[in-house]
Amino acid sequence: MKIHIAILSLLVFSPVFSQKNWKLKKDKDDVKIYVKSTESSSLKLFKAEMTVKSSLNDVLNVILDGDKLKDWNYKALDSKLLSKSSENDYLLWLALDLPWPVRNRDVVIALKILRITDDVVKIDISAASERYAENDDYLRITTFEGYWLLEQIGDSVKVTHQMFGDPGGSLPNWFINSTITRAPHYNFVALKELVE
């Protein structure tokens, strides 16, 4: 138990979980979207939060279901589970429909699950482009990282999702940053409908 508390403390107080410099950009439908600038890019980072009446396992199962990822992700064309090498390691593929004349994108997503306690699960997210062949129909997203944090609180789950991604290609940064609140808000509302 002491080890779990120590790990949770490290996660909560680490820079990745830091509340510093976050600006609330959207508060709608019980979903809060925060945005902040990064030191390494002109693109922004987002963090979304909501609380749902559900169980941690129900929320976790929806997030890990690669074949149905397309049903609740913004502008998703297709998705699939590529592999599950253990109970804690998943590889997913997601294709995104971008507006003409922009080329559609795809991303290979590695998920690493860390069960901190019975009531807290963190899912680390990273791009794993080299683990699945590229398709000429899509431009591959290679910069993609973040996490999910699920916390069971009574009969509800606090859901936090933080992400940074660069769709690559010739998209202007202002265009990419313009979707920084729209996409996570859409995803969270759709996720909430699935788990409540």
N, C-alpha and C. Protein backbone atom coordinates (compact mmCIF):
# COMPACT_ATOMS: atom_id res chain seq x y z
N MET A 1 0.83 -1.20 0.00
CA MET A 1 0.00 0.00 0.00
C MET A 1 0.86 1.25 0.00
N LYS A 2 1.95 1.25 0.80
CA LYS A 2 2.84 2.41 0.85
C LYS A 2 3.47 2.68 -0.51
N ILE A 3 3.80 1.61 -1.22
CA ILE A 3 4.39 1.76 -2.55
C ILE A 3 3.39 2.43 -3.49
N HIS A 4 2.12 2.00 -3.44
CA HIS A 4 1.09 2.59 -4.31
C HIS A 4 0.92 4.08 -4.02
N ILE A 5 0.92 4.45 -2.75
CA ILE A 5 0.77 5.86 -2.38
C ILE A 5 1.98 6.65 -2.85
N ALA A 6 3.16 6.08 -2.73
CA ALA A 6 4.38 6.77 -3.19
C ALA A 6 4.34 6.99 -4.69
N ILE A 7 3.93 5.97 -5.44
CA ILE A 7 3.84 6.09 -6.90
C ILE A 7 2.81 7.15 -7.28
N LEU A 8 1.65 7.13 -6.64
CA LEU A 8 0.62 8.12 -6.93
C LEU A 8 1.12 9.52 -6.63
N SER A 9 1.84 9.68 -5.53
CA SER A 9 2.39 10.99 -5.18
C SER A 9 3.36 11.48 -6.25
N LEU A 10 4.21 10.59 -6.74
CA LEU A 10 5.14 10.97 -7.79
C LEU A 10 4.40 11.40 -9.05
N LEU A 11 3.35 10.67 -9.40
CA LEU A 11 2.58 11.01 -10.59
C LEU A 11 1.86 12.33 -10.44
N VAL A 12 1.22 12.53 -9.31
CA VAL A 12 0.42 13.72 -9.10
C VAL A 12 1.29 14.97 -9.02
N PHE A 13 2.48 14.84 -8.45
CA PHE A 13 3.32 16.01 -8.28
C PHE A 13 4.42 16.12 -9.34
N SER A 14 4.40 15.27 -10.33
CA SER A 14 5.39 15.36 -11.40
C SER A 14 5.01 16.48 -12.36
N PRO A 15 5.97 16.96 -13.16
CA PRO A 15 5.69 18.06 -14.08
C PRO A 15 4.57 17.76 -15.06
N VAL A 16 4.44 16.51 -15.49
CA VAL A 16 3.40 16.17 -16.46
C VAL A 16 2.00 16.42 -15.89
N PHE A 17 1.84 16.29 -14.57
CA PHE A 17 0.55 16.51 -13.94
C PHE A 17 0.41 17.93 -13.39
N SER A 18 1.42 18.75 -13.59
CA SER A 18 1.45 20.09 -13.02
C SER A 18 0.29 20.94 -13.52
N GLN A 19 -0.30 21.72 -12.61
CA GLN A 19 -1.37 22.63 -12.97
C GLN A 19 -0.81 23.97 -13.46
N LYS A 20 0.48 24.14 -13.38
CA LYS A 20 1.11 25.41 -13.71
C LYS A 20 0.88 25.79 -15.18
N ASN A 21 0.47 27.02 -15.38
CA ASN A 21 0.31 27.63 -16.71
C ASN A 21 -0.86 27.08 -17.53
N TRP A 22 -1.70 26.23 -16.98
CA TRP A 22 -2.88 25.78 -17.70
C TRP A 22 -3.92 26.90 -17.71
N LYS A 23 -4.58 27.07 -18.86
CA LYS A 23 -5.65 28.06 -18.98
C LYS A 23 -6.93 27.35 -19.37
N LEU A 24 -7.99 27.58 -18.60
CA LEU A 24 -9.28 26.98 -18.92
C LEU A 24 -9.82 27.65 -20.18
N LYS A 25 -10.03 26.85 -21.24
CA LYS A 25 -10.49 27.38 -22.52
C LYS A 25 -11.93 27.01 -22.83
N LYS A 26 -12.42 25.93 -22.22
CA LYS A 26 -13.80 25.51 -22.49
C LYS A 26 -14.34 24.80 -21.27
N ASP A 27 -15.56 25.17 -20.88
CA ASP A 27 -16.25 24.53 -19.76
C ASP A 27 -17.70 24.36 -20.19
N LYS A 28 -18.00 23.19 -20.76
CA LYS A 28 -19.31 22.95 -21.36
C LYS A 28 -19.65 21.47 -21.23
N ASP A 29 -20.92 21.19 -20.97
CA ASP A 29 -21.40 19.79 -20.87
C ASP A 29 -20.65 19.01 -19.79
N ASP A 30 -20.30 19.68 -18.69
CA ASP A 30 -19.56 19.06 -17.59
C ASP A 30 -18.17 18.58 -17.99
N VAL A 31 -17.64 19.15 -19.05
CA VAL A 31 -16.28 18.84 -19.52
C VAL A 31 -15.46 20.13 -19.47
N LYS A 32 -14.29 20.04 -18.87
CA LYS A 32 -13.38 21.20 -18.81
C LYS A 32 -12.16 20.90 -19.66
N ILE A 33 -11.81 21.86 -20.52
CA ILE A 33 -10.64 21.72 -21.38
C ILE A 33 -9.66 22.83 -21.03
N TYR A 34 -8.46 22.43 -20.67
CA TYR A 34 -7.38 23.36 -20.37
C TYR A 34 -6.33 23.28 -21.48
N VAL A 35 -5.66 24.40 -21.72
CA VAL A 35 -4.64 24.47 -22.77
C VAL A 35 -3.42 25.18 -22.21
N LYS A 36 -2.26 24.75 -22.67
CA LYS A 36 -1.04 25.51 -22.35
C LYS A 36 -0.03 25.34 -23.47
N SER A 37 0.88 26.31 -23.53
CA SER A 37 1.95 26.28 -24.52
C SER A 37 3.03 25.32 -24.05
N THR A 38 3.81 24.84 -25.00
CA THR A 38 4.94 23.98 -24.67
C THR A 38 6.23 24.72 -25.01
N GLU A 39 7.30 24.33 -24.37
CA GLU A 39 8.59 24.97 -24.63
C GLU A 39 9.20 24.49 -25.95
N SER A 40 8.85 23.29 -26.37
CA SER A 40 9.52 22.69 -27.52
C SER A 40 8.78 22.87 -28.84
N SER A 41 7.59 23.47 -28.81
CA SER A 41 6.80 23.58 -30.04
C SER A 41 5.86 24.77 -29.97
N SER A 42 5.46 25.27 -31.14
CA SER A 42 4.46 26.33 -31.17
C SER A 42 3.05 25.74 -31.07
N LEU A 43 2.96 24.42 -31.12
CA LEU A 43 1.67 23.76 -30.92
C LEU A 43 1.36 23.69 -29.43
N LYS A 44 0.07 23.61 -29.12
CA LYS A 44 -0.35 23.62 -27.72
C LYS A 44 -0.66 22.21 -27.23
N LEU A 45 -0.67 22.10 -25.93
CA LEU A 45 -0.98 20.87 -25.20
C LEU A 45 -2.36 21.04 -24.59
N PHE A 46 -3.19 19.99 -24.57
CA PHE A 46 -4.48 20.11 -23.90
C PHE A 46 -4.60 19.12 -22.76
N LYS A 47 -5.47 19.47 -21.82
CA LYS A 47 -5.86 18.56 -20.74
C LYS A 47 -7.37 18.68 -20.60
N ALA A 48 -8.06 17.55 -20.65
CA ALA A 48 -9.52 17.52 -20.50
C ALA A 48 -9.87 16.77 -19.23
N GLU A 49 -10.93 17.23 -18.55
CA GLU A 49 -11.37 16.60 -17.31
C GLU A 49 -12.89 16.51 -17.28
N MET A 50 -13.38 15.42 -16.73
CA MET A 50 -14.81 15.28 -16.46
C MET A 50 -14.98 14.20 -15.40
N THR A 51 -16.18 14.15 -14.83
CA THR A 51 -16.55 13.08 -13.91
C THR A 51 -17.78 12.40 -14.47
N VAL A 52 -17.75 11.07 -14.53
CA VAL A 52 -18.86 10.30 -15.07
C VAL A 52 -19.39 9.33 -14.02
N LYS A 53 -20.69 9.06 -14.07
CA LYS A 53 -21.30 8.05 -13.20
C LYS A 53 -21.06 6.70 -13.85
N SER A 54 -20.01 6.03 -13.42
CA SER A 54 -19.63 4.77 -14.04
C SER A 54 -18.60 4.09 -13.14
N SER A 55 -18.13 2.95 -13.60
CA SER A 55 -17.05 2.27 -12.88
C SER A 55 -15.75 2.48 -13.65
N LEU A 56 -14.65 2.42 -12.94
CA LEU A 56 -13.34 2.59 -13.55
C LEU A 56 -13.14 1.55 -14.66
N ASN A 57 -13.53 0.31 -14.40
CA ASN A 57 -13.34 -0.74 -15.41
C ASN A 57 -14.17 -0.51 -16.67
N ASP A 58 -15.38 0.02 -16.52
CA ASP A 58 -16.20 0.31 -17.71
C ASP A 58 -15.55 1.38 -18.57
N VAL A 59 -15.03 2.44 -17.94
CA VAL A 59 -14.36 3.50 -18.69
C VAL A 59 -13.08 2.96 -19.34
N LEU A 60 -12.32 2.21 -18.58
CA LEU A 60 -11.08 1.62 -19.09
C LEU A 60 -11.34 0.73 -20.30
N ASN A 61 -12.37 -0.10 -20.22
CA ASN A 61 -12.68 -1.01 -21.33
C ASN A 61 -13.04 -0.27 -22.61
N VAL A 62 -13.73 0.85 -22.50
CA VAL A 62 -14.06 1.63 -23.70
C VAL A 62 -12.79 2.22 -24.31
N ILE A 63 -11.93 2.77 -23.48
CA ILE A 63 -10.68 3.38 -23.98
C ILE A 63 -9.80 2.34 -24.67
N LEU A 64 -9.77 1.12 -24.15
CA LEU A 64 -8.90 0.08 -24.69
C LEU A 64 -9.48 -0.65 -25.90
N ASP A 65 -10.75 -0.42 -26.21
CA ASP A 65 -11.40 -1.12 -27.32
C ASP A 65 -11.04 -0.45 -28.64
N GLY A 66 -9.92 -0.86 -29.20
CA GLY A 66 -9.41 -0.25 -30.43
C GLY A 66 -10.37 -0.33 -31.60
N ASP A 67 -11.14 -1.40 -31.69
CA ASP A 67 -12.07 -1.56 -32.80
C ASP A 67 -13.22 -0.55 -32.75
N LYS A 68 -13.51 -0.04 -31.56
CA LYS A 68 -14.61 0.93 -31.42
C LYS A 68 -14.14 2.34 -31.13
N LEU A 69 -12.84 2.55 -31.16
CA LEU A 69 -12.28 3.88 -30.94
C LEU A 69 -12.89 4.89 -31.91
N LYS A 70 -13.14 4.44 -33.13
CA LYS A 70 -13.71 5.31 -34.17
C LYS A 70 -15.11 5.80 -33.82
N ASP A 71 -15.81 5.10 -32.93
CA ASP A 71 -17.19 5.46 -32.60
C ASP A 71 -17.28 6.69 -31.71
N TRP A 72 -16.19 7.07 -31.06
CA TRP A 72 -16.28 8.21 -30.14
C TRP A 72 -15.12 9.21 -30.26
N ASN A 73 -14.28 9.03 -31.26
CA ASN A 73 -13.18 9.97 -31.46
C ASN A 73 -13.47 10.94 -32.60
N TYR A 74 -13.14 12.18 -32.38
CA TYR A 74 -13.39 13.29 -33.30
C TYR A 74 -12.75 13.02 -34.66
N LYS A 75 -13.56 13.13 -35.71
CA LYS A 75 -13.11 12.98 -37.10
C LYS A 75 -12.50 11.61 -37.41
N ALA A 76 -12.86 10.60 -36.64
CA ALA A 76 -12.30 9.27 -36.87
C ALA A 76 -12.96 8.60 -38.07
N LEU A 77 -12.15 8.05 -38.94
CA LEU A 77 -12.63 7.29 -40.10
C LEU A 77 -12.67 5.80 -39.80
N ASP A 78 -11.64 5.32 -39.12
CA ASP A 78 -11.51 3.89 -38.85
C ASP A 78 -10.58 3.70 -37.66
N SER A 79 -10.67 2.52 -37.05
CA SER A 79 -9.77 2.19 -35.94
C SER A 79 -9.75 0.68 -35.76
N LYS A 80 -8.69 0.21 -35.13
CA LYS A 80 -8.63 -1.22 -34.81
C LYS A 80 -7.58 -1.50 -33.75
N LEU A 81 -7.81 -2.59 -33.05
CA LEU A 81 -6.81 -3.12 -32.12
C LEU A 81 -5.80 -3.90 -32.96
N LEU A 82 -4.55 -3.50 -32.91
CA LEU A 82 -3.51 -4.20 -33.66
C LEU A 82 -2.94 -5.37 -32.88
N SER A 83 -2.71 -5.15 -31.58
CA SER A 83 -2.19 -6.24 -30.75
C SER A 83 -2.37 -5.92 -29.28
N LYS A 84 -2.34 -6.98 -28.51
CA LYS A 84 -2.40 -6.89 -27.05
C LYS A 84 -1.34 -7.87 -26.55
N SER A 85 -0.16 -7.33 -26.21
CA SER A 85 0.95 -8.21 -25.85
C SER A 85 0.89 -8.66 -24.39
N SER A 86 0.10 -7.94 -23.58
CA SER A 86 -0.13 -8.34 -22.19
C SER A 86 -1.38 -7.61 -21.72
N GLU A 87 -1.77 -7.85 -20.47
CA GLU A 87 -2.93 -7.15 -19.91
C GLU A 87 -2.69 -5.64 -19.81
N ASN A 88 -1.44 -5.24 -19.91
CA ASN A 88 -1.08 -3.83 -19.72
C ASN A 88 -0.50 -3.15 -20.95
N ASP A 89 -0.41 -3.86 -22.07
CA ASP A 89 0.19 -3.29 -23.28
C ASP A 89 -0.70 -3.52 -24.49
N TYR A 90 -1.17 -2.41 -25.06
CA TYR A 90 -2.05 -2.46 -26.22
C TYR A 90 -1.45 -1.63 -27.35
N LEU A 91 -1.74 -2.04 -28.59
CA LEU A 91 -1.35 -1.29 -29.76
C LEU A 91 -2.61 -1.06 -30.60
N LEU A 92 -2.94 0.21 -30.85
CA LEU A 92 -4.15 0.58 -31.58
C LEU A 92 -3.78 1.37 -32.83
N TRP A 93 -4.69 1.40 -33.79
CA TRP A 93 -4.53 2.22 -35.00
C TRP A 93 -5.78 3.05 -35.17
N LEU A 94 -5.60 4.33 -35.50
CA LEU A 94 -6.71 5.26 -35.68
C LEU A 94 -6.46 6.08 -36.93
N ALA A 95 -7.48 6.17 -37.81
CA ALA A 95 -7.41 7.01 -39.01
C ALA A 95 -8.34 8.20 -38.84
N LEU A 96 -7.87 9.38 -39.27
CA LEU A 96 -8.62 10.62 -39.07
C LEU A 96 -8.95 11.27 -40.41
N ASP A 97 -10.16 11.78 -40.50
CA ASP A 97 -10.69 12.45 -41.68
C ASP A 97 -10.49 13.96 -41.53
N LEU A 98 -9.56 14.53 -42.27
CA LEU A 98 -9.32 15.96 -42.21
C LEU A 98 -9.98 16.65 -43.40
N PRO A 99 -10.33 17.93 -43.25
CA PRO A 99 -11.06 18.62 -44.32
C PRO A 99 -10.22 18.79 -45.59
N TRP A 100 -10.88 18.63 -46.73
CA TRP A 100 -10.23 18.84 -48.03
C TRP A 100 -9.68 20.25 -48.08
N PRO A 101 -8.53 20.50 -48.60
CA PRO A 101 -7.65 19.60 -49.37
C PRO A 101 -6.57 18.93 -48.53
N VAL A 102 -6.73 18.94 -47.23
CA VAL A 102 -5.72 18.36 -46.34
C VAL A 102 -5.78 16.83 -46.42
N ARG A 103 -4.62 16.21 -46.43
CA ARG A 103 -4.54 14.75 -46.49
C ARG A 103 -4.96 14.14 -45.16
N ASN A 104 -5.73 13.06 -45.21
CA ASN A 104 -6.14 12.36 -43.99
C ASN A 104 -4.91 11.82 -43.26
N ARG A 105 -5.06 11.64 -41.94
CA ARG A 105 -3.96 11.20 -41.11
C ARG A 105 -4.27 9.85 -40.47
N ASP A 106 -3.22 9.15 -40.06
CA ASP A 106 -3.39 7.99 -39.20
C ASP A 106 -2.30 8.00 -38.14
N VAL A 107 -2.55 7.25 -37.07
CA VAL A 107 -1.60 7.19 -35.97
C VAL A 107 -1.64 5.79 -35.36
N VAL A 108 -0.47 5.28 -35.02
CA VAL A 108 -0.35 4.02 -34.30
C VAL A 108 -0.08 4.38 -32.85
N ILE A 109 -0.93 3.87 -31.97
CA ILE A 109 -0.94 4.30 -30.57
C ILE A 109 -0.55 3.14 -29.66
N ALA A 110 0.51 3.34 -28.90
CA ALA A 110 0.90 2.36 -27.87
C ALA A 110 0.32 2.82 -26.54
N LEU A 111 -0.39 1.92 -25.87
CA LEU A 111 -0.96 2.20 -24.56
C LEU A 111 -0.29 1.30 -23.53
N LYS A 112 0.19 1.91 -22.46
CA LYS A 112 0.82 1.18 -21.35
C LYS A 112 0.01 1.48 -20.09
N ILE A 113 -0.58 0.45 -19.51
CA ILE A 113 -1.47 0.62 -18.36
C ILE A 113 -0.71 0.42 -17.07
N LEU A 114 -0.87 1.38 -16.16
CA LEU A 114 -0.26 1.30 -14.84
C LEU A 114 -1.38 1.33 -13.81
N ARG A 115 -1.57 0.22 -13.12
CA ARG A 115 -2.60 0.14 -12.09
C ARG A 115 -1.98 0.59 -10.77
N ILE A 116 -2.22 1.84 -10.42
CA ILE A 116 -1.58 2.45 -9.26
C ILE A 116 -2.19 1.91 -7.97
N THR A 117 -3.51 1.90 -7.89
CA THR A 117 -4.25 1.28 -6.79
C THR A 117 -5.49 0.64 -7.40
N ASP A 118 -6.34 0.05 -6.58
CA ASP A 118 -7.59 -0.51 -7.10
C ASP A 118 -8.49 0.58 -7.68
N ASP A 119 -8.28 1.83 -7.23
CA ASP A 119 -9.15 2.93 -7.64
C ASP A 119 -8.49 3.94 -8.57
N VAL A 120 -7.25 3.71 -8.95
CA VAL A 120 -6.54 4.67 -9.81
C VAL A 120 -5.76 3.91 -10.89
N VAL A 121 -6.02 4.28 -12.14
CA VAL A 121 -5.30 3.69 -13.28
C VAL A 121 -4.79 4.82 -14.17
N LYS A 122 -3.53 4.70 -14.55
CA LYS A 122 -2.95 5.64 -15.52
C LYS A 122 -2.62 4.87 -16.78
N ILE A 123 -2.94 5.46 -17.93
CA ILE A 123 -2.62 4.87 -19.23
C ILE A 123 -1.69 5.82 -19.96
N ASP A 124 -0.44 5.42 -20.14
CA ASP A 124 0.50 6.23 -20.91
C ASP A 124 0.27 6.00 -22.39
N ILE A 125 0.33 7.08 -23.16
CA ILE A 125 0.07 7.05 -24.59
C ILE A 125 1.31 7.52 -25.33
N SER A 126 1.70 6.77 -26.36
CA SER A 126 2.82 7.21 -27.20
C SER A 126 2.61 6.73 -28.63
N ALA A 127 3.25 7.42 -29.56
CA ALA A 127 3.20 7.01 -30.95
C ALA A 127 4.12 5.81 -31.14
N ALA A 128 3.69 4.88 -31.98
CA ALA A 128 4.50 3.68 -32.26
C ALA A 128 4.46 3.40 -33.76
N SER A 129 4.81 4.42 -34.54
CA SER A 129 4.68 4.36 -36.00
C SER A 129 5.37 3.17 -36.63
N GLU A 130 6.53 2.81 -36.11
CA GLU A 130 7.33 1.75 -36.71
C GLU A 130 6.72 0.37 -36.51
N ARG A 131 5.69 0.25 -35.71
CA ARG A 131 5.12 -1.06 -35.39
C ARG A 131 3.95 -1.46 -36.29
N TYR A 132 3.64 -0.61 -37.29
CA TYR A 132 2.56 -0.94 -38.22
C TYR A 132 2.85 -0.26 -39.55
N ALA A 133 2.72 -1.01 -40.63
CA ALA A 133 3.06 -0.48 -41.96
C ALA A 133 2.23 0.74 -42.32
N GLU A 134 2.87 1.70 -42.98
CA GLU A 134 2.16 2.90 -43.41
C GLU A 134 1.27 2.59 -44.61
N ASN A 135 0.20 3.37 -44.72
CA ASN A 135 -0.78 3.24 -45.79
C ASN A 135 -0.72 4.51 -46.63
N ASP A 136 -0.63 4.38 -47.95
CA ASP A 136 -0.51 5.55 -48.82
C ASP A 136 -1.71 6.48 -48.75
N ASP A 137 -2.83 6.00 -48.23
CA ASP A 137 -4.02 6.84 -48.12
C ASP A 137 -3.89 7.87 -47.00
N TYR A 138 -2.92 7.69 -46.11
CA TYR A 138 -2.81 8.54 -44.93
C TYR A 138 -1.39 9.06 -44.76
N LEU A 139 -1.30 10.23 -44.13
CA LEU A 139 -0.02 10.75 -43.66
C LEU A 139 0.10 10.34 -42.20
N ARG A 140 1.16 9.65 -41.85
CA ARG A 140 1.34 9.09 -40.51
C ARG A 140 1.72 10.18 -39.50
N ILE A 141 1.00 10.23 -38.39
CA ILE A 141 1.35 11.10 -37.27
C ILE A 141 2.42 10.38 -36.46
N THR A 142 3.56 11.04 -36.26
CA THR A 142 4.66 10.40 -35.54
C THR A 142 4.92 11.04 -34.17
N THR A 143 4.39 12.23 -33.95
CA THR A 143 4.53 12.89 -32.65
C THR A 143 3.18 12.89 -31.96
N PHE A 144 3.07 12.08 -30.91
CA PHE A 144 1.78 11.84 -30.28
C PHE A 144 2.05 11.25 -28.91
N GLU A 145 1.79 12.02 -27.83
CA GLU A 145 2.07 11.50 -26.49
C GLU A 145 1.14 12.14 -25.47
N GLY A 146 0.88 11.37 -24.42
CA GLY A 146 0.03 11.88 -23.35
C GLY A 146 -0.34 10.78 -22.38
N TYR A 147 -1.48 10.94 -21.75
CA TYR A 147 -1.94 9.93 -20.79
C TYR A 147 -3.43 10.08 -20.52
N TRP A 148 -4.01 9.02 -20.00
CA TRP A 148 -5.32 9.01 -19.36
C TRP A 148 -5.08 8.76 -17.88
N LEU A 149 -5.86 9.40 -17.03
CA LEU A 149 -5.84 9.10 -15.60
C LEU A 149 -7.29 8.87 -15.18
N LEU A 150 -7.58 7.68 -14.66
CA LEU A 150 -8.92 7.31 -14.23
C LEU A 150 -8.90 7.11 -12.72
N GLU A 151 -9.80 7.81 -12.01
CA GLU A 151 -9.84 7.73 -10.55
C GLU A 151 -11.27 7.43 -10.10
N GLN A 152 -11.47 6.27 -9.51
CA GLN A 152 -12.79 5.91 -8.97
C GLN A 152 -13.02 6.69 -7.69
N ILE A 153 -14.11 7.46 -7.65
CA ILE A 153 -14.47 8.24 -6.47
C ILE A 153 -15.94 7.93 -6.17
N GLY A 154 -16.17 7.02 -5.23
CA GLY A 154 -17.53 6.58 -4.95
C GLY A 154 -18.10 5.86 -6.16
N ASP A 155 -19.29 6.31 -6.62
CA ASP A 155 -19.92 5.68 -7.78
C ASP A 155 -19.60 6.43 -9.08
N SER A 156 -18.57 7.27 -9.04
CA SER A 156 -18.17 8.05 -10.21
C SER A 156 -16.69 7.84 -10.52
N VAL A 157 -16.32 8.24 -11.74
CA VAL A 157 -14.93 8.17 -12.16
C VAL A 157 -14.51 9.55 -12.65
N LYS A 158 -13.43 10.07 -12.07
CA LYS A 158 -12.84 11.30 -12.60
C LYS A 158 -11.93 10.88 -13.74
N VAL A 159 -12.16 11.46 -14.92
CA VAL A 159 -11.41 11.14 -16.12
C VAL A 159 -10.57 12.35 -16.51
N THR A 160 -9.27 12.16 -16.61
CA THR A 160 -8.36 13.21 -17.06
C THR A 160 -7.60 12.68 -18.26
N HIS A 161 -7.51 13.51 -19.29
CA HIS A 161 -6.80 13.11 -20.51
C HIS A 161 -5.92 14.28 -20.95
N GLN A 162 -4.63 14.04 -21.02
CA GLN A 162 -3.69 15.08 -21.46
C GLN A 162 -2.98 14.59 -22.70
N MET A 163 -2.86 15.46 -23.72
CA MET A 163 -2.26 15.04 -24.99
C MET A 163 -1.49 16.17 -25.64
N PHE A 164 -0.46 15.75 -26.36
CA PHE A 164 0.24 16.63 -27.30
C PHE A 164 0.42 15.83 -28.57
N GLY A 165 0.07 16.42 -29.70
CA GLY A 165 0.26 15.75 -30.97
C GLY A 165 0.58 16.75 -32.07
N ASP A 166 1.34 16.30 -33.04
CA ASP A 166 1.66 17.10 -34.21
C ASP A 166 1.26 16.30 -35.43
N PRO A 167 0.21 16.75 -36.15
CA PRO A 167 -0.25 15.97 -37.30
C PRO A 167 0.71 15.98 -38.48
N GLY A 168 1.76 16.78 -38.42
CA GLY A 168 2.76 16.79 -39.48
C GLY A 168 2.24 17.40 -40.77
N GLY A 169 3.04 17.30 -41.80
CA GLY A 169 2.65 17.86 -43.09
C GLY A 169 2.71 19.38 -43.08
N SER A 170 1.92 19.98 -43.95
CA SER A 170 2.00 21.43 -44.13
C SER A 170 0.85 22.19 -43.47
N LEU A 171 0.23 21.58 -42.48
CA LEU A 171 -0.86 22.28 -41.79
C LEU A 171 -0.31 23.45 -40.99
N PRO A 172 -0.93 24.62 -41.11
CA PRO A 172 -0.46 25.74 -40.29
C PRO A 172 -0.80 25.52 -38.82
N ASN A 173 0.07 26.00 -37.94
CA ASN A 173 -0.14 25.81 -36.50
C ASN A 173 -1.43 26.43 -36.02
N TRP A 174 -1.84 27.57 -36.60
CA TRP A 174 -3.09 28.20 -36.17
C TRP A 174 -4.27 27.26 -36.43
N PHE A 175 -4.21 26.49 -37.54
CA PHE A 175 -5.29 25.56 -37.86
C PHE A 175 -5.31 24.41 -36.84
N ILE A 176 -4.14 23.88 -36.54
CA ILE A 176 -4.05 22.78 -35.58
C ILE A 176 -4.53 23.23 -34.20
N ASN A 177 -4.05 24.39 -33.77
CA ASN A 177 -4.42 24.90 -32.45
C ASN A 177 -5.91 25.25 -32.37
N SER A 178 -6.54 25.51 -33.53
CA SER A 178 -7.97 25.86 -33.51
C SER A 178 -8.84 24.66 -33.13
N THR A 179 -8.32 23.45 -33.25
CA THR A 179 -9.10 22.26 -32.90
C THR A 179 -8.77 21.74 -31.50
N ILE A 180 -7.93 22.46 -30.78
CA ILE A 180 -7.40 21.95 -29.50
C ILE A 180 -8.48 21.77 -28.44
N THR A 181 -9.58 22.51 -28.51
CA THR A 181 -10.67 22.30 -27.55
C THR A 181 -11.81 21.51 -28.18
N ARG A 182 -12.01 21.66 -29.48
CA ARG A 182 -13.12 21.00 -30.16
C ARG A 182 -13.01 19.48 -30.11
N ALA A 183 -11.84 18.95 -30.43
CA ALA A 183 -11.66 17.50 -30.49
C ALA A 183 -11.82 16.83 -29.12
N PRO A 184 -11.12 17.28 -28.07
CA PRO A 184 -11.30 16.61 -26.78
C PRO A 184 -12.70 16.77 -26.20
N HIS A 185 -13.35 17.90 -26.46
CA HIS A 185 -14.72 18.08 -25.97
C HIS A 185 -15.64 17.05 -26.63
N TYR A 186 -15.53 16.91 -27.94
CA TYR A 186 -16.33 15.93 -28.68
C TYR A 186 -16.08 14.52 -28.11
N ASN A 187 -14.81 14.17 -27.95
CA ASN A 187 -14.45 12.84 -27.46
C ASN A 187 -15.01 12.57 -26.07
N PHE A 188 -14.92 13.56 -25.18
CA PHE A 188 -15.38 13.36 -23.81
C PHE A 188 -16.90 13.23 -23.74
N VAL A 189 -17.61 14.05 -24.50
CA VAL A 189 -19.08 13.94 -24.51
C VAL A 189 -19.50 12.57 -25.04
N ALA A 190 -18.85 12.12 -26.11
CA ALA A 190 -19.17 10.80 -26.68
C ALA A 190 -18.80 9.67 -25.73
N LEU A 191 -17.65 9.79 -25.07
CA LEU A 191 -17.24 8.78 -24.09
C LEU A 191 -18.23 8.71 -22.93
N LYS A 192 -18.66 9.86 -22.47
CA LYS A 192 -19.62 9.91 -21.36
C LYS A 192 -20.92 9.20 -21.73
N GLU A 193 -21.39 9.40 -22.95
CA GLU A 193 -22.62 8.74 -23.40
C GLU A 193 -22.46 7.22 -23.41
N LEU A 194 -21.27 6.74 -23.70
CA LEU A 194 -21.03 5.30 -23.76
C LEU A 194 -20.94 4.64 -22.39
N VAL A 195 -20.46 5.37 -21.39
CA VAL A 195 -20.19 4.73 -20.10
C VAL A 195 -21.24 5.01 -19.03
N GLU A 196 -22.09 6.01 -19.22
CA GLU A 196 -23.10 6.30 -18.19
C GLU A 196 -24.40 5.55 -18.44
